[in-house]
C-alpha cells in the first residue's frame, strides 16, 4: 500500500494522536487545550499531577532522530522553555515508536536521539533513543 503524502499539519496531527494514545495506554489521563495558541499540544495527568507535552513528528536520518526544540511559523522561531512545556513527545514516523524527552535537558535548537550506535562507536555525549521510551513523570 502506498502511503499518502502528508502536510505538515497532518503530520503533527498523526504524531499528537500516537503520543496521546501511548499515554492513555500507560494509565494517564489526556487533556487537550482549546484552540491553537498553546505552547504545548496536550497535558497528561495522573494522581493529581500534570505535565505539558509538546509533540514532534520526526523522520529518522543517518541512524538518529533530530528533534527540534523550537516552534516556527511564518513569522518567528521560538525555543521551548521549561516554563512552557515539561516533556517533548517524539513520534518516529518510520517505526511508529514514541519517545519522551524531559524539557530540563532540551537545548536551544535540537536534540539527537540515536537509533543505532554511531559509526565510530562513540558513547560520550550520545543519547540513545532506547533510553527515552518511558514518560518522565
Protein backbone atom coordinates (compact mmCIF):
# COMPACT_ATOMS: atom_id res chain seq x y z
CA UNK A 1 0.00 0.00 0.00
CA UNK A 2 1.36 3.41 -0.96
CA UNK A 3 1.47 5.92 1.89
CA UNK A 4 -0.11 9.32 1.43
CA UNK A 5 1.99 12.46 1.32
CA UNK A 6 1.02 14.36 4.46
CA UNK A 7 1.05 18.10 5.02
CA UNK A 8 2.99 19.48 7.99
CA UNK A 9 -0.31 19.95 9.85
CA UNK A 10 -1.44 16.36 9.18
CA UNK A 11 1.95 15.01 10.31
CA UNK A 12 1.52 16.94 13.56
CA UNK A 13 -1.99 15.52 13.98
CA UNK A 14 -0.76 11.94 13.43
CA UNK A 15 2.08 12.42 15.93
CA UNK A 16 -0.19 14.01 18.56
CA UNK A 17 -2.68 11.17 18.36
CA UNK A 18 0.04 8.50 18.50
CA UNK A 19 1.74 10.06 21.54
CA UNK A 20 -1.60 10.70 23.28
CA UNK A 21 -2.69 7.09 22.65
CA UNK A 22 0.61 5.86 24.11
CA UNK A 23 0.00 7.95 27.23
CA UNK A 24 -3.56 6.63 27.63
CA UNK A 25 -2.32 3.03 27.25
CA UNK A 26 0.12 3.74 30.08
CA UNK A 27 -2.54 4.94 32.51
CA UNK A 28 -2.51 8.71 32.03
CA UNK A 29 -5.49 10.98 31.52
CA UNK A 30 -5.01 13.15 28.42
CA UNK A 31 -6.32 16.73 28.26
CA UNK A 32 -6.28 18.79 25.07
CA UNK A 33 -6.28 22.61 25.21
CA UNK A 34 -8.94 24.55 23.37
CA UNK A 35 -7.59 26.48 20.37
CA UNK A 36 -4.22 26.65 18.64
CA UNK A 37 -2.37 29.15 20.82
CA UNK A 38 -0.81 26.85 23.44
CA UNK A 39 2.92 26.16 23.51
CA UNK A 40 2.08 22.55 24.38
CA UNK A 41 -0.06 20.07 22.44
CA UNK A 42 -1.72 18.37 25.39
CA UNK A 43 -1.45 17.70 29.11
CA UNK A 44 -1.21 14.36 30.87
CA UNK A 45 -2.46 13.81 34.39
CA UNK A 46 -2.05 11.06 36.93
CA UNK A 47 -2.74 11.26 40.65
CA UNK A 48 -3.42 15.00 40.52
CA UNK A 49 -0.04 15.78 38.89
CA UNK A 50 0.04 17.39 35.44
CA UNK A 51 2.71 17.52 32.69
CA UNK A 52 2.56 19.62 29.49
CA UNK A 53 3.65 17.76 26.36
CA UNK A 54 4.82 19.25 23.08
CA UNK A 55 4.82 16.64 20.28
CA UNK A 56 7.23 16.35 17.35
CA UNK A 57 6.86 14.20 14.21
CA UNK A 58 10.37 13.11 13.24
CA UNK A 59 11.72 11.05 10.36
CA UNK A 60 14.98 9.20 11.09
CA UNK A 61 18.10 10.23 9.23
CA UNK A 62 21.54 8.61 9.46
CA UNK A 63 20.52 6.40 12.38
CA UNK A 64 19.17 9.22 14.53
CA UNK A 65 16.09 11.29 15.27
CA UNK A 66 16.85 15.00 15.29
CA UNK A 67 14.20 16.59 17.46
CA UNK A 68 13.62 20.31 17.10
CA UNK A 69 13.41 22.16 20.41
CA UNK A 70 11.78 25.15 18.73
CA UNK A 71 8.50 26.08 17.16
CA UNK A 72 8.24 28.04 13.96
CA UNK A 73 5.57 29.66 11.88
CA UNK A 74 5.60 32.18 9.05
CA UNK A 75 6.66 34.97 11.39
CA UNK A 76 9.01 33.66 14.05
CA UNK A 77 11.11 30.86 15.50
CA UNK A 78 10.99 30.36 19.28
CA UNK A 79 12.79 27.86 21.50
CA UNK A 80 10.71 25.98 24.06
CA UNK A 81 11.43 26.55 27.74
CA UNK A 82 10.65 24.65 30.93
CA UNK A 83 8.23 27.47 31.77
CA UNK A 84 6.10 26.41 28.76
CA UNK A 85 6.47 22.63 28.44
CA UNK A 86 7.55 19.72 30.62
CA UNK A 87 8.12 16.98 28.04
CA UNK A 88 8.72 16.65 24.31
CA UNK A 89 6.93 13.61 22.93
CA UNK A 90 8.69 12.29 19.83
CA UNK A 91 6.91 10.23 17.17
CA UNK A 92 9.23 8.25 14.88
CA UNK A 93 7.40 8.28 11.55
CA UNK A 94 9.13 5.12 10.30
CA UNK A 95 8.97 2.74 13.28
CA UNK A 96 5.94 4.49 14.83
CA UNK A 97 7.77 4.29 18.17
CA UNK A 98 7.21 7.03 20.76
CA UNK A 99 9.96 8.64 22.86
CA UNK A 100 9.84 11.19 25.69
CA UNK A 101 12.42 13.88 26.40
CA UNK A 102 12.34 15.78 29.70
CA UNK A 103 12.27 19.50 28.91
CA UNK A 104 15.01 20.04 31.52
CA UNK A 105 17.59 18.66 29.06
CA UNK A 106 16.50 20.30 25.81
CA UNK A 107 18.77 22.72 24.02
CA UNK A 108 18.11 25.84 22.06
CA UNK A 109 17.92 24.19 18.62
CA UNK A 110 17.60 20.43 18.66
CA UNK A 111 18.48 17.21 20.42
CA UNK A 112 19.50 13.97 18.72
CA UNK A 113 18.36 10.54 19.78
CA UNK A 114 20.46 7.76 18.26
CA UNK A 115 18.52 4.76 16.97
CA UNK A 116 21.70 2.79 16.43
CA UNK A 117 25.29 3.03 17.58
CA UNK A 118 27.40 5.73 15.97
CA UNK A 119 29.75 4.58 13.22
CA UNK A 120 32.83 5.34 15.34
CA UNK A 121 31.24 3.66 18.43
CA UNK A 122 31.37 6.94 20.37
CA UNK A 123 29.35 6.81 23.57
CA UNK A 124 30.22 10.08 25.31
CA UNK A 125 27.52 12.68 24.74
CA UNK A 126 25.38 10.22 22.75
CA UNK A 127 21.71 9.94 23.67
CA UNK A 128 20.35 6.52 22.78
CA UNK A 129 16.67 6.59 21.80
CA UNK A 130 16.01 3.42 23.80
CA UNK A 131 16.74 5.41 26.98
CA UNK A 132 13.75 7.70 26.23
CA UNK A 133 10.93 5.16 25.98
CA UNK A 134 9.39 5.97 29.38
CA UNK A 135 7.42 9.05 30.32
CA UNK A 136 9.45 11.24 32.75
CA UNK A 137 6.69 11.80 35.27
